[in-house]
C-alpha atoms as a PDB file:
ATOM      1  CA  MET A   1     -51.186 -19.887 -52.050  1.00  0.00           C
ATOM      2  CA  ALA A   2     -54.682 -18.782 -51.082  1.00  0.00           C
ATOM      3  CA  ILE A   3     -55.318 -15.633 -49.096  1.00  0.00           C
ATOM      4  CA  ARG A   4     -57.814 -15.908 -46.261  1.00  0.00           C
ATOM      5  CA  ALA A   5     -59.480 -13.062 -44.427  1.00  0.00           C
ATOM      6  CA  TYR A   6     -62.161 -12.555 -41.827  1.00  0.00           C
ATOM      7  CA  ILE A   7     -64.660  -9.812 -42.520  1.00  0.00           C
ATOM      8  CA  LEU A   8     -66.648  -8.356 -39.640  1.00  0.00           C
ATOM      9  CA  ILE A   9     -69.958  -6.910 -40.790  1.00  0.00           C
ATOM     10  CA  ASN A  10     -72.352  -4.500 -39.083  1.00  0.00           C
ATOM     11  CA  THR A  11     -75.845  -4.609 -40.595  1.00  0.00           C
ATOM     12  CA  GLN A  12     -78.931  -2.444 -40.440  1.00  0.00           C
ATOM     13  CA  ILE A  13     -81.293  -3.408 -37.622  1.00  0.00           C
ATOM     14  CA  GLY A  14     -83.377  -6.417 -38.559  1.00  0.00           C
ATOM     15  CA  GLN A  15     -81.459  -7.098 -41.788  1.00  0.00           C
ATOM     16  CA  THR A  16     -78.833  -9.601 -40.616  1.00  0.00           C
ATOM     17  CA  GLN A  17     -80.520 -12.672 -42.122  1.00  0.00           C
ATOM     18  CA  LYS A  18     -81.020 -10.855 -45.443  1.00  0.00           C
ATOM     19  CA  VAL A  19     -77.288 -10.075 -45.562  1.00  0.00           C
ATOM     20  CA  VAL A  20     -76.431 -13.701 -44.731  1.00  0.00           C
ATOM     21  CA  GLU A  21     -78.552 -14.901 -47.665  1.00  0.00           C
ATOM     22  CA  GLU A  22     -76.720 -12.518 -50.025  1.00  0.00           C
ATOM     23  CA  LEU A  23     -73.306 -13.596 -48.711  1.00  0.00           C
ATOM     24  CA  LYS A  24     -74.154 -17.279 -49.296  1.00  0.00           C
ATOM     25  CA  LYS A  25     -74.284 -16.520 -53.032  1.00  0.00           C
ATOM     26  CA  LEU A  26     -70.573 -15.593 -53.153  1.00  0.00           C
ATOM     27  CA  PRO A  27     -68.260 -18.534 -53.940  1.00  0.00           C
ATOM     28  CA  GLU A  28     -65.337 -16.891 -52.100  1.00  0.00           C
ATOM     29  CA  VAL A  29     -67.266 -17.041 -48.819  1.00  0.00           C
ATOM     30  CA  LYS A  30     -66.230 -20.183 -46.928  1.00  0.00           C
ATOM     31  CA  LYS A  31     -67.979 -19.663 -43.585  1.00  0.00           C
ATOM     32  CA  ILE A  32     -70.599 -17.312 -42.158  1.00  0.00           C
ATOM     33  CA  ASP A  33     -71.444 -16.881 -38.475  1.00  0.00           C
ATOM     34  CA  ILE A  34     -73.946 -14.536 -36.865  1.00  0.00           C
ATOM     35  CA  ILE A  35     -72.314 -13.046 -33.759  1.00  0.00           C
ATOM     36  CA  MET A  36     -73.134 -10.694 -30.876  1.00  0.00           C
ATOM     37  CA  GLY A  37     -71.371  -7.420 -30.161  1.00  0.00           C
ATOM     38  CA  PRO A  38     -70.587  -4.357 -32.277  1.00  0.00           C
ATOM     39  CA  TYR A  39     -70.636  -6.566 -35.398  1.00  0.00           C
ATOM     40  CA  ASP A  40     -73.471  -8.834 -36.471  1.00  0.00           C
ATOM     41  CA  ILE A  41     -71.743 -11.237 -38.856  1.00  0.00           C
ATOM     42  CA  ILE A  42     -68.252 -12.674 -39.279  1.00  0.00           C
ATOM     43  CA  VAL A  43     -67.366 -14.118 -42.676  1.00  0.00           C
ATOM     44  CA  GLU A  44     -64.340 -16.138 -43.720  1.00  0.00           C
ATOM     45  CA  VAL A  45     -63.328 -15.600 -47.346  1.00  0.00           C
ATOM     46  CA  GLU A  46     -60.646 -17.245 -49.439  1.00  0.00           C
ATOM     47  CA  VAL A  47     -59.224 -15.674 -52.602  1.00  0.00           C
ATOM     48  CA  SER A  48     -56.134 -16.010 -54.796  1.00  0.00           C
ATOM     49  CA  THR A  49     -54.726 -12.475 -54.528  1.00  0.00           C
ATOM     50  CA  TYR A  50     -55.065  -9.288 -52.497  1.00  0.00           C
ATOM     51  CA  GLU A  51     -56.540  -7.717 -55.626  1.00  0.00           C
ATOM     52  CA  ASP A  52     -59.279 -10.365 -55.538  1.00  0.00           C
ATOM     53  CA  LEU A  53     -59.861  -9.553 -51.866  1.00  0.00           C
ATOM     54  CA  SER A  54     -60.268  -5.864 -52.700  1.00  0.00           C
ATOM     55  CA  HIS A  55     -62.615  -6.719 -55.555  1.00  0.00           C
ATOM     56  CA  ILE A  56     -64.940  -8.884 -53.470  1.00  0.00           C
ATOM     57  CA  LEU A  57     -65.018  -6.284 -50.696  1.00  0.00           C
ATOM     58  CA  LEU A  58     -65.540  -3.177 -52.797  1.00  0.00           C
ATOM     59  CA  ASN A  59     -67.695  -4.585 -55.590  1.00  0.00           C
ATOM     60  CA  GLN A  60     -69.709  -7.309 -53.929  1.00  0.00           C
ATOM     61  CA  ILE A  61     -69.873  -7.281 -50.139  1.00  0.00           C
ATOM     62  CA  GLN A  62     -69.970  -3.520 -49.562  1.00  0.00           C
ATOM     63  CA  ASN A  63     -72.643  -3.186 -52.254  1.00  0.00           C
ATOM     64  CA  ILE A  64     -75.140  -5.170 -50.175  1.00  0.00           C
ATOM     65  CA  SER A  65     -77.514  -2.377 -49.204  1.00  0.00           C
ATOM     66  CA  ALA A  66     -78.234  -3.561 -45.634  1.00  0.00           C
ATOM     67  CA  ILE A  67     -74.552  -3.414 -44.619  1.00  0.00           C
ATOM     68  CA  ASN A  68     -73.540  -0.369 -42.566  1.00  0.00           C
ATOM     69  CA  HIS A  69     -69.855  -1.097 -41.970  1.00  0.00           C
ATOM     70  CA  THR A  70     -67.184  -3.738 -42.537  1.00  0.00           C
ATOM     71  CA  MET A  71     -63.766  -4.455 -41.049  1.00  0.00           C
ATOM     72  CA  THR A  72     -61.396  -6.779 -42.896  1.00  0.00           C
ATOM     73  CA  CYS A  73     -58.780  -8.833 -41.077  1.00  0.00           C
ATOM     74  CA  PRO A  74     -56.424 -10.736 -43.434  1.00  0.00           C
ATOM     75  CA  VAL A  75     -54.898 -13.899 -41.981  1.00  0.00           C
ATOM     76  CA  VAL A  76     -51.095 -13.591 -41.758  1.00  0.00           C
ATOM     77  CA  GLU A  77     -50.230 -17.256 -41.021  1.00  0.00           C
END
């Protein structure tokens, strides 16, 4: 059973589109939307395990230099 999560991303000013282009390269990313509010981007990811979710967050998404902050919301149903 796949694990889905929404990741809210706050980017550096003027860098949102750059972050979107980097996120598009990740096969786990299923949907990307630019939003308004305290976060700039919401991303839907799908992975096999919670370990995979941790890996993509810590080693791929949070390593994008223009990202200030993320909040991860795993889907429970």
